[in-house]
N, C-alpha and C. Protein backbone atom coordinates (compact mmCIF):
# COMPACT_ATOMS: atom_id res chain seq x y z
N MET A 1 21.61 -2.31 -9.44
CA MET A 1 21.17 -2.29 -7.56
C MET A 1 22.52 -1.55 -7.46
N THR A 2 22.15 -1.02 -5.82
CA THR A 2 23.27 -0.51 -5.13
C THR A 2 23.82 -1.89 -4.08
N PRO A 3 25.68 -2.42 -4.33
CA PRO A 3 25.52 -3.79 -3.35
C PRO A 3 25.95 -3.01 -1.98
N THR A 4 25.16 -4.28 -0.81
CA THR A 4 25.60 -3.48 0.21
C THR A 4 26.73 -4.31 0.87
N ALA A 5 27.23 -4.22 1.89
CA ALA A 5 28.68 -4.12 2.31
C ALA A 5 28.69 -6.04 2.45
N ALA A 6 27.69 -6.93 2.46
CA ALA A 6 28.22 -7.88 2.36
C ALA A 6 27.99 -8.66 1.29
N GLY A 7 27.93 -7.76 0.03
CA GLY A 7 27.71 -8.03 -1.20
C GLY A 7 26.52 -8.61 -1.35
N ASP A 8 25.32 -8.69 -1.19
CA ASP A 8 23.77 -9.72 -1.80
C ASP A 8 23.40 -8.53 -2.66
N GLY A 9 23.73 -7.18 -2.71
CA GLY A 9 22.88 -6.35 -3.78
C GLY A 9 21.83 -6.25 -3.46
N VAL A 10 21.29 -6.17 -1.92
CA VAL A 10 19.92 -5.55 -1.51
C VAL A 10 20.43 -4.53 -0.31
N ALA A 11 19.91 -3.47 -0.85
CA ALA A 11 19.91 -2.29 0.13
C ALA A 11 19.88 -2.53 1.67
N PRO A 12 20.19 -1.84 2.33
CA PRO A 12 20.31 -2.49 4.08
C PRO A 12 18.65 -2.43 4.40
N GLY A 13 18.16 -0.94 4.36
CA GLY A 13 16.44 -0.82 4.76
C GLY A 13 15.96 -2.07 3.97
N ARG A 14 16.41 -2.35 3.11
CA ARG A 14 15.29 -3.61 2.25
C ARG A 14 15.88 -5.04 2.85
N ALA A 15 17.05 -5.56 2.62
CA ALA A 15 17.90 -6.30 3.67
C ALA A 15 17.18 -6.46 5.11
N GLU A 16 16.70 -5.65 5.27
CA GLU A 16 16.21 -5.66 6.82
C GLU A 16 14.40 -6.30 6.99
N MET A 17 13.93 -5.46 5.98
CA MET A 17 12.46 -5.85 5.84
C MET A 17 12.24 -7.09 5.22
N GLN A 18 13.11 -7.81 4.47
CA GLN A 18 13.16 -8.80 4.10
C GLN A 18 13.22 -9.73 4.65
N GLY A 19 14.47 -9.21 6.10
CA GLY A 19 14.94 -10.40 6.93
C GLY A 19 13.31 -10.81 8.02
N GLN A 20 13.06 -9.58 8.27
CA GLN A 20 11.64 -9.21 9.19
C GLN A 20 10.44 -10.75 8.62
N VAL A 21 10.16 -9.94 6.99
CA VAL A 21 9.09 -11.06 6.20
C VAL A 21 9.50 -12.56 6.56
N ILE A 22 10.58 -12.82 6.04
CA ILE A 22 10.95 -14.23 6.63
C ILE A 22 10.61 -14.54 7.62
N GLU A 23 10.79 -13.80 8.97
CA GLU A 23 11.01 -14.46 10.42
C GLU A 23 9.69 -14.48 10.47
N LEU A 24 8.98 -13.50 10.15
CA LEU A 24 7.42 -13.56 10.00
C LEU A 24 6.55 -14.59 9.55
N LEU A 25 7.24 -14.73 8.71
CA LEU A 25 6.61 -16.41 7.95
C LEU A 25 6.41 -17.83 8.48
N ARG A 26 8.13 -17.39 8.82
CA ARG A 26 8.07 -19.00 9.38
C ARG A 26 7.30 -18.82 10.75
N ALA A 27 7.15 -17.79 11.52
CA ALA A 27 6.41 -18.33 12.83
C ALA A 27 5.18 -18.18 12.36
N VAL A 28 4.50 -17.65 11.49
CA VAL A 28 3.34 -17.82 10.86
C VAL A 28 3.17 -19.44 10.67
N ALA A 29 4.26 -20.04 10.07
CA ALA A 29 3.77 -21.38 9.70
C ALA A 29 4.15 -22.30 10.66
N ARG A 30 4.71 -22.06 11.52
CA ARG A 30 4.42 -22.49 12.83
C ARG A 30 3.18 -23.00 13.61
N SER A 31 2.77 -21.37 13.72
CA SER A 31 1.75 -21.65 14.77
C SER A 31 0.19 -22.13 13.47
N LEU A 32 0.53 -22.28 12.29
CA LEU A 32 -0.69 -22.98 11.54
C LEU A 32 -0.31 -24.18 11.82
N ARG A 33 0.73 -25.03 11.58
CA ARG A 33 1.07 -26.47 12.13
C ARG A 33 0.52 -26.65 13.64
N ARG A 34 0.75 -25.47 14.18
CA ARG A 34 0.68 -26.65 15.34
C ARG A 34 -1.57 -25.97 15.99
N GLN A 35 -1.34 -25.62 15.06
CA GLN A 35 -3.20 -24.92 15.38
C GLN A 35 -3.63 -26.23 14.20
N HIS A 36 -3.21 -26.68 13.29
CA HIS A 36 -3.68 -28.04 12.63
C HIS A 36 -3.37 -29.10 13.28
N VAL A 37 -2.07 -29.09 14.34
CA VAL A 37 -2.44 -30.64 15.15
C VAL A 37 -3.28 -30.84 15.92
N ARG A 38 -3.75 -29.35 16.96
CA ARG A 38 -4.48 -29.51 17.70
C ARG A 38 -5.95 -29.15 17.17
N LEU A 39 -5.81 -29.19 15.79
CA LEU A 39 -7.06 -29.05 15.18
C LEU A 39 -8.01 -30.85 15.28
N ALA A 40 -6.53 -31.67 14.29
CA ALA A 40 -7.10 -32.96 14.46
C ALA A 40 -6.54 -33.48 15.52
N VAL A 41 -6.31 -33.38 16.56
CA VAL A 41 -5.81 -33.95 17.97
C VAL A 41 -7.85 -33.88 18.73
N GLY A 42 -7.95 -32.53 18.67
CA GLY A 42 -9.00 -32.09 19.34
C GLY A 42 -10.51 -32.60 18.45
N ARG A 43 -10.49 -33.02 17.31
CA ARG A 43 -11.42 -32.93 16.47
C ARG A 43 -11.38 -35.10 16.07
N GLY A 44 -10.79 -35.01 16.40
CA GLY A 44 -10.20 -36.81 16.00
C GLY A 44 -10.44 -36.84 14.94
N PHE A 45 -9.54 -36.33 13.61
CA PHE A 45 -9.54 -36.62 13.01
C PHE A 45 -8.17 -37.85 12.62
N PRO A 46 -8.63 -38.50 11.84
CA PRO A 46 -7.32 -39.97 11.66
C PRO A 46 -6.21 -39.38 11.00
N LEU A 47 -6.47 -38.10 10.38
CA LEU A 47 -5.39 -38.11 9.06
C LEU A 47 -4.56 -36.32 9.83
N SER A 48 -3.39 -36.16 9.22
CA SER A 48 -2.66 -34.93 9.98
C SER A 48 -2.45 -34.12 8.62
N GLY A 49 -2.10 -33.06 9.03
CA GLY A 49 -2.44 -31.94 7.46
C GLY A 49 -1.48 -32.33 6.63
N PRO A 50 -0.08 -32.94 7.08
CA PRO A 50 0.54 -33.22 5.50
C PRO A 50 -0.53 -34.20 4.99
N HIS A 51 -1.28 -34.88 5.42
CA HIS A 51 -1.93 -36.15 4.18
C HIS A 51 -3.83 -34.70 4.09
N VAL A 52 -4.04 -34.40 4.76
CA VAL A 52 -5.01 -33.33 4.30
C VAL A 52 -4.45 -32.88 2.98
N ALA A 53 -3.23 -31.88 3.09
CA ALA A 53 -3.01 -31.21 2.08
C ALA A 53 -2.32 -31.98 0.36
N LEU A 54 -2.30 -33.56 0.77
CA LEU A 54 -2.15 -34.42 -0.57
C LEU A 54 -3.32 -34.95 -0.96
N LEU A 55 -4.66 -35.01 0.06
CA LEU A 55 -5.61 -35.51 -0.63
C LEU A 55 -6.23 -34.21 -1.11
N GLN A 56 -5.95 -32.96 -0.51
CA GLN A 56 -6.71 -31.66 -1.93
C GLN A 56 -5.96 -31.80 -2.73
N GLU A 57 -4.97 -32.11 -2.92
CA GLU A 57 -4.27 -31.73 -4.20
C GLU A 57 -4.41 -33.27 -5.35
N ILE A 58 -4.86 -34.24 -4.62
CA ILE A 58 -5.21 -35.75 -5.22
C ILE A 58 -6.92 -35.40 -5.63
N ALA A 59 -7.66 -34.52 -5.11
CA ALA A 59 -9.07 -34.09 -5.34
C ALA A 59 -9.28 -33.06 -6.56
N GLY A 60 -8.06 -32.26 -6.75
CA GLY A 60 -7.84 -31.03 -7.59
C GLY A 60 -7.28 -31.58 -9.02
N HIS A 61 -6.72 -32.55 -8.75
CA HIS A 61 -5.76 -33.47 -9.77
C HIS A 61 -6.00 -34.84 -9.97
N PRO A 62 -7.23 -35.57 -9.96
CA PRO A 62 -7.46 -37.09 -9.78
C PRO A 62 -6.72 -37.49 -10.82
N GLY A 63 -6.28 -38.65 -10.69
CA GLY A 63 -5.03 -39.23 -11.58
C GLY A 63 -4.17 -39.28 -11.53
N VAL A 64 -3.54 -38.63 -10.59
CA VAL A 64 -2.10 -37.81 -10.80
C VAL A 64 -1.27 -38.75 -10.05
N THR A 65 0.02 -38.58 -10.37
CA THR A 65 0.69 -40.08 -10.20
C THR A 65 1.29 -39.50 -8.51
N VAL A 66 2.31 -40.14 -8.08
CA VAL A 66 2.95 -39.89 -7.06
C VAL A 66 4.01 -39.18 -7.24
N SER A 67 4.77 -39.43 -8.58
CA SER A 67 5.57 -38.49 -8.74
C SER A 67 5.32 -37.23 -9.30
N GLU A 68 4.33 -36.69 -9.55
CA GLU A 68 3.30 -35.51 -10.21
C GLU A 68 3.07 -35.17 -8.26
N LEU A 69 2.35 -35.83 -7.99
CA LEU A 69 1.61 -35.39 -6.48
C LEU A 69 3.69 -34.42 -5.43
N ALA A 70 4.41 -35.30 -6.02
CA ALA A 70 5.14 -34.49 -5.34
C ALA A 70 6.02 -33.21 -5.58
N ARG A 71 5.80 -33.26 -7.00
CA ARG A 71 6.47 -32.00 -7.95
C ARG A 71 5.30 -31.07 -7.44
N LEU A 72 3.95 -31.15 -6.98
CA LEU A 72 3.06 -30.23 -6.90
C LEU A 72 3.70 -29.91 -5.43
N THR A 73 3.22 -30.50 -4.47
CA THR A 73 3.51 -30.15 -3.43
C THR A 73 5.24 -29.90 -2.85
N GLY A 74 5.83 -30.12 -3.43
CA GLY A 74 7.27 -29.93 -2.84
C GLY A 74 8.13 -31.07 -2.05
N LEU A 75 7.23 -31.85 -2.12
CA LEU A 75 7.27 -33.03 -1.15
C LEU A 75 8.38 -34.19 -1.78
N PRO A 76 9.51 -34.87 -0.94
CA PRO A 76 10.72 -35.55 -1.75
C PRO A 76 9.49 -36.54 -2.32
N LYS A 77 9.59 -37.43 -3.04
CA LYS A 77 8.93 -38.73 -4.09
C LYS A 77 8.42 -39.75 -2.23
N SER A 78 9.71 -39.92 -1.66
CA SER A 78 9.71 -40.66 -0.73
C SER A 78 8.53 -40.59 0.51
N ARG A 79 8.62 -39.42 0.59
CA ARG A 79 7.48 -38.59 1.28
C ARG A 79 6.11 -38.95 0.95
N VAL A 80 6.29 -38.51 -0.12
CA VAL A 80 5.30 -38.82 -0.50
C VAL A 80 4.12 -39.96 -0.67
N SER A 81 5.38 -41.05 -1.27
CA SER A 81 4.87 -42.61 -0.89
C SER A 81 4.62 -43.21 0.50
N VAL A 82 5.01 -42.39 1.65
CA VAL A 82 5.01 -42.68 2.95
C VAL A 82 3.62 -42.70 2.78
N LEU A 83 3.21 -40.93 2.87
CA LEU A 83 1.98 -40.80 2.98
C LEU A 83 0.37 -41.36 2.31
N MET A 84 1.66 -41.73 1.06
CA MET A 84 0.13 -42.44 0.11
C MET A 84 -0.42 -43.65 0.64
N THR A 85 0.54 -44.40 1.40
CA THR A 85 0.30 -45.54 1.94
C THR A 85 -0.23 -45.62 2.80
N SER A 86 -0.43 -44.65 4.00
CA SER A 86 -1.22 -44.68 5.08
C SER A 86 -3.13 -44.37 4.56
N LEU A 87 -3.07 -42.98 3.46
CA LEU A 87 -4.23 -42.28 2.68
C LEU A 87 -4.75 -43.87 2.01
N VAL A 88 -4.12 -44.90 1.31
CA VAL A 88 -4.87 -46.22 1.08
C VAL A 88 -5.29 -46.95 2.16
N ALA A 89 -5.13 -47.02 3.22
CA ALA A 89 -5.16 -47.88 4.29
C ALA A 89 -6.29 -47.72 4.75
N GLU A 90 -6.56 -45.91 5.10
CA GLU A 90 -7.59 -45.52 5.29
C GLU A 90 -8.25 -45.12 4.48
N ARG A 91 -8.25 -45.43 3.96
CA ARG A 91 -9.68 -46.18 2.79
C ARG A 91 -10.09 -44.64 1.80
N VAL A 92 -9.15 -43.54 2.29
CA VAL A 92 -9.59 -42.29 1.54
C VAL A 92 -8.86 -42.14 0.26
N VAL A 93 -8.26 -42.86 -0.29
CA VAL A 93 -7.56 -42.20 -2.07
C VAL A 93 -7.26 -43.93 -2.66
N ARG A 94 -7.36 -44.10 -3.54
CA ARG A 94 -7.62 -45.11 -4.05
C ARG A 94 -6.33 -45.20 -5.64
N LYS A 95 -5.65 -46.52 -5.41
CA LYS A 95 -5.01 -46.57 -6.45
C LYS A 95 -4.88 -47.40 -7.22
N ASP A 96 -4.94 -46.60 -9.18
CA ASP A 96 -5.19 -47.65 -10.09
C ASP A 96 -4.31 -47.64 -11.08
N PRO A 97 -4.00 -48.73 -11.80
CA PRO A 97 -3.13 -48.80 -12.64
C PRO A 97 -3.55 -48.17 -14.05
N ASP A 98 -2.23 -47.56 -14.75
CA ASP A 98 -2.54 -46.70 -15.68
C ASP A 98 -2.90 -47.36 -16.75
N ASP A 99 -4.21 -47.19 -17.48
CA ASP A 99 -4.52 -48.04 -18.93
C ASP A 99 -3.23 -48.15 -19.82
N HIS A 100 -2.51 -46.79 -20.12
CA HIS A 100 -1.78 -46.90 -21.13
C HIS A 100 -0.32 -47.64 -20.98
N ASP A 101 0.25 -47.38 -18.96
CA ASP A 101 1.63 -47.30 -19.17
C ASP A 101 1.39 -48.27 -17.70
N SER A 102 1.74 -49.44 -17.77
CA SER A 102 1.45 -50.06 -16.89
C SER A 102 2.71 -49.82 -15.57
N ARG A 103 3.47 -49.40 -15.41
CA ARG A 103 4.49 -48.92 -14.42
C ARG A 103 3.77 -47.76 -13.69
N LEU A 104 3.17 -47.16 -14.41
CA LEU A 104 2.36 -46.27 -13.99
C LEU A 104 0.70 -46.51 -12.75
N VAL A 105 0.93 -46.06 -11.58
CA VAL A 105 0.05 -45.92 -10.59
C VAL A 105 -0.68 -44.49 -10.75
N LEU A 106 -2.15 -44.39 -10.67
CA LEU A 106 -3.20 -43.00 -10.50
C LEU A 106 -3.78 -43.15 -9.32
N LEU A 107 -3.80 -42.09 -8.57
CA LEU A 107 -4.46 -41.34 -7.36
C LEU A 107 -6.09 -41.26 -7.31
N THR A 108 -6.58 -41.54 -6.69
CA THR A 108 -7.71 -40.90 -6.61
C THR A 108 -7.92 -40.81 -6.07
N ILE A 109 -9.05 -39.70 -5.17
CA ILE A 109 -9.28 -39.35 -3.66
C ILE A 109 -10.91 -40.28 -3.86
N THR A 110 -11.34 -41.18 -2.68
CA THR A 110 -12.40 -41.91 -2.68
C THR A 110 -13.71 -40.98 -2.28
N PRO A 111 -14.86 -41.58 -2.11
CA PRO A 111 -15.49 -40.59 -1.57
C PRO A 111 -15.38 -40.45 0.03
N GLU A 112 -14.97 -41.24 0.79
CA GLU A 112 -14.75 -41.19 2.61
C GLU A 112 -13.66 -39.70 2.09
N GLY A 113 -12.55 -39.90 1.42
CA GLY A 113 -11.78 -39.36 1.50
C GLY A 113 -11.95 -37.58 1.23
N ARG A 114 -13.28 -37.29 -0.02
CA ARG A 114 -13.63 -36.32 -0.02
C ARG A 114 -14.20 -35.79 1.03
N GLN A 115 -14.94 -36.30 1.69
CA GLN A 115 -15.59 -36.17 2.97
C GLN A 115 -14.73 -35.53 4.09
N CYS A 116 -13.49 -36.16 4.40
CA CYS A 116 -12.75 -35.96 5.65
C CYS A 116 -11.89 -34.95 4.79
N ALA A 117 -11.86 -34.59 3.43
CA ALA A 117 -10.63 -33.18 3.17
C ALA A 117 -11.89 -32.28 3.85
N ALA A 118 -13.45 -32.42 3.34
CA ALA A 118 -13.89 -31.59 3.66
C ALA A 118 -14.28 -30.98 4.54
N GLU A 119 -14.34 -32.05 5.79
CA GLU A 119 -14.60 -31.82 6.76
C GLU A 119 -13.56 -30.88 7.58
N TRP A 120 -12.35 -31.69 7.23
CA TRP A 120 -10.83 -30.61 7.88
C TRP A 120 -10.98 -28.88 7.25
N SER A 121 -11.31 -29.02 5.91
CA SER A 121 -10.98 -27.43 5.15
C SER A 121 -12.44 -26.79 6.15
N ALA A 122 -12.89 -27.27 6.31
CA ALA A 122 -14.32 -26.36 7.27
C ALA A 122 -13.85 -26.20 8.74
N ALA A 123 -13.34 -26.92 9.18
CA ALA A 123 -13.27 -26.92 10.31
C ALA A 123 -11.65 -26.18 10.58
N SER A 124 -10.75 -26.05 10.11
CA SER A 124 -9.85 -25.39 9.68
C SER A 124 -10.08 -23.72 9.04
N ARG A 125 -11.27 -23.63 8.51
CA ARG A 125 -11.39 -22.22 8.24
C ARG A 125 -12.06 -21.89 9.72
N GLN A 126 -12.50 -22.34 10.00
CA GLN A 126 -13.72 -21.73 11.62
C GLN A 126 -12.33 -21.51 12.17
N ALA A 127 -11.76 -22.70 12.60
CA ALA A 127 -10.59 -22.21 13.50
C ALA A 127 -9.70 -20.93 13.30
N ILE A 128 -8.94 -21.14 12.24
CA ILE A 128 -8.35 -20.03 11.49
C ILE A 128 -9.08 -18.39 11.51
N GLY A 129 -10.19 -19.09 11.44
CA GLY A 129 -11.53 -17.67 11.47
C GLY A 129 -11.12 -16.92 12.51
N GLN A 130 -11.55 -17.74 13.69
CA GLN A 130 -11.93 -17.68 15.35
C GLN A 130 -10.77 -16.87 15.86
N LEU A 131 -9.20 -16.81 15.07
CA LEU A 131 -8.13 -16.31 15.46
C LEU A 131 -8.20 -15.20 14.87
N LEU A 132 -8.32 -14.98 13.48
CA LEU A 132 -8.01 -13.76 12.87
C LEU A 132 -9.05 -12.65 13.36
N GLN A 133 -10.87 -12.77 14.08
CA GLN A 133 -11.76 -12.40 15.24
C GLN A 133 -10.98 -11.29 15.42
N PRO A 134 -10.23 -11.05 16.24
CA PRO A 134 -9.71 -10.09 16.93
C PRO A 134 -9.43 -8.36 15.88
N LEU A 135 -9.24 -9.00 14.63
CA LEU A 135 -8.34 -8.20 13.60
C LEU A 135 -9.17 -7.10 12.98
N CYS A 136 -9.16 -6.11 12.97
CA CYS A 136 -9.98 -5.27 12.72
C CYS A 136 -9.92 -5.03 10.91
N ASP A 137 -11.02 -4.57 9.98
CA ASP A 137 -11.30 -4.61 8.59
C ASP A 137 -10.15 -4.06 7.78
N ASP A 138 -9.66 -2.64 8.35
CA ASP A 138 -8.20 -2.53 7.85
C ASP A 138 -7.27 -3.64 8.28
N GLU A 139 -7.04 -3.90 8.79
CA GLU A 139 -5.81 -5.27 9.35
C GLU A 139 -6.46 -6.03 8.37
N LEU A 140 -7.48 -6.84 7.89
CA LEU A 140 -7.45 -7.96 7.59
C LEU A 140 -7.43 -7.51 5.62
N ALA A 141 -7.61 -6.23 5.63
CA ALA A 141 -7.04 -6.01 4.20
C ALA A 141 -5.50 -5.92 3.69
N ALA A 142 -5.42 -5.51 4.71
CA ALA A 142 -3.53 -5.45 4.32
C ALA A 142 -3.06 -6.81 4.48
N ILE A 143 -3.67 -7.53 5.64
CA ILE A 143 -2.92 -9.04 5.36
C ILE A 143 -2.82 -9.51 3.82
N ALA A 144 -4.37 -9.45 3.46
CA ALA A 144 -5.08 -10.00 2.35
C ALA A 144 -4.14 -9.35 1.15
N ARG A 145 -3.67 -7.83 1.04
CA ARG A 145 -2.97 -7.63 0.09
C ARG A 145 -1.24 -7.93 0.16
N GLY A 146 -0.51 -8.03 1.44
CA GLY A 146 0.60 -8.19 1.63
C GLY A 146 0.74 -10.40 0.92
N LEU A 147 -0.38 -10.81 1.87
CA LEU A 147 -0.56 -12.42 0.42
C LEU A 147 -0.45 -12.12 -0.44
N THR A 148 -1.19 -11.79 -0.83
CA THR A 148 -1.54 -11.86 -2.61
C THR A 148 0.10 -11.17 -3.25
N ALA A 149 0.63 -9.98 -2.76
CA ALA A 149 1.72 -9.94 -3.27
C ALA A 149 3.24 -10.85 -3.15
N LEU A 150 2.72 -11.67 -1.70
CA LEU A 150 3.84 -12.67 -1.91
C LEU A 150 3.41 -13.95 -2.65
N GLN A 151 2.18 -14.40 -2.75
CA GLN A 151 1.78 -14.96 -3.74
C GLN A 151 2.22 -15.20 -4.71
N ARG A 152 1.70 -14.00 -5.40
CA ARG A 152 2.31 -13.25 -6.75
C ARG A 152 4.00 -13.29 -6.78
N ALA A 153 5.09 -13.10 -6.19
CA ALA A 153 6.17 -13.24 -5.96
C ALA A 153 6.80 -14.31 -6.04
N PHE A 154 6.11 -15.27 -5.10
CA PHE A 154 6.32 -17.12 -4.96
C PHE A 154 6.29 -17.25 -6.66
N GLY A 155 4.43 -17.09 -7.09
CA GLY A 155 4.20 -17.70 -8.20
C GLY A 155 5.82 -17.30 -9.00
N GLN A 156 6.14 -15.59 -9.77
CA GLN A 156 7.09 -15.48 -10.00
C GLN A 156 8.25 -16.49 -10.48
N ALA A 157 8.80 -16.12 -9.05
CA ALA A 157 9.92 -17.39 -8.45
C ALA A 157 10.12 -18.68 -8.89
N ALA A 158 8.54 -18.95 -9.33
CA ALA A 158 8.55 -20.74 -9.42
C ALA A 158 8.36 -20.76 -10.82
N GLU A 159 7.98 -20.02 -11.64
CA GLU A 159 8.12 -19.82 -13.12
C GLU A 159 9.25 -19.57 -13.42
N GLN A 160 9.97 -18.95 -12.66
CA GLN A 160 11.29 -18.67 -13.60
C GLN A 160 12.30 -19.96 -12.76
N GLY A 161 13.72 -19.77 -13.31
CA GLY A 161 14.89 -20.32 -13.39
C GLY A 161 15.60 -19.19 -12.24
N PRO A 162 16.14 -20.02 -11.42
CA PRO A 162 17.46 -19.05 -10.66
C PRO A 162 17.99 -18.29 -11.40
N GLU A 163 18.13 -18.24 -12.34
CA GLU A 163 19.39 -17.31 -13.45
C GLU A 163 18.16 -16.21 -13.21
N GLU A 164 17.40 -16.36 -13.76
CA GLU A 164 16.16 -15.58 -14.78
C GLU A 164 15.67 -14.27 -13.32
N GLN A 165 15.40 -15.23 -12.01
CA GLN A 165 15.03 -14.95 -11.42
C GLN A 165 15.92 -13.69 -10.26
N TRP A 166 17.25 -14.35 -10.71
CA TRP A 166 17.88 -12.52 -9.60
C TRP A 166 19.19 -12.26 -10.53
N ALA A 167 18.49 -12.29 -12.11
CA ALA A 167 19.35 -11.43 -12.77
C ALA A 167 18.07 -9.75 -12.90
N ARG A 168 17.72 -10.02 -12.61
CA ARG A 168 16.33 -8.92 -12.64
C ARG A 168 16.72 -7.55 -11.91
N GLU A 169 16.80 -6.53 -12.42
CA GLU A 169 17.49 -5.34 -12.16
C GLU A 169 16.43 -4.18 -12.13
N CYS A 170 16.26 -3.62 -11.16
CA CYS A 170 14.96 -2.43 -11.22
C CYS A 170 15.97 -1.14 -10.93
N PRO A 171 15.29 0.32 -11.30
CA PRO A 171 16.02 1.35 -10.64
C PRO A 171 16.02 1.55 -9.16
N GLY A 172 17.01 2.25 -8.48
CA GLY A 172 16.95 2.31 -7.36
C GLY A 172 16.45 0.75 -6.67
N GLY A 173 17.11 -0.25 -7.20
CA GLY A 173 17.86 -1.37 -6.20
C GLY A 173 16.26 -2.22 -5.90
N ALA A 174 15.18 -1.84 -6.03
CA ALA A 174 14.07 -2.83 -5.85
C ALA A 174 13.04 -3.04 -6.86
N PRO A 175 12.31 -4.20 -7.08
CA PRO A 175 11.50 -4.56 -7.79
C PRO A 175 9.93 -3.83 -7.84
N SER A 176 9.65 -2.98 -9.28
CA SER A 176 8.32 -2.23 -9.35
C SER A 176 7.08 -3.16 -8.78
N CYS A 177 6.18 -2.13 -8.47
CA CYS A 177 5.13 -2.67 -8.22
C CYS A 177 4.03 -2.76 -8.95
């Protein structure tokens, strides 16, 4: 890799593109959060986006513990615990003791929770679909390709430790596609 003046090992043009991608990701994340807040308020959903995200994880991992859920979502365990309290109060998640380890509590989505998550998902798809409607097919395909590449990069980063991630060097200073 050819180091830049800043010494970060990233070529100047690439560093600018990476900065642009980071800023665009932040802007899209903010827009999605705002859209989900409007969606929740406008449709009278009793749960927020983070609640629904946890519901969906629990639906995909029945019997998950709070610690495992924190690891899966990247949220602090204390935040997951607070969200779980409200999900249990809303009767969309059930806590059950582990048969093999009495210290553990297993989380399971209830039928009401499954319905709430499905309604949220359908409403979210519809709302975001409407936002994407003005884009042409080529733009949608380009976005899909870019997000797929980003997901692949994030997945590789999650599987590697920081040392492995930063130790990768490719000819020309850029990862090969």
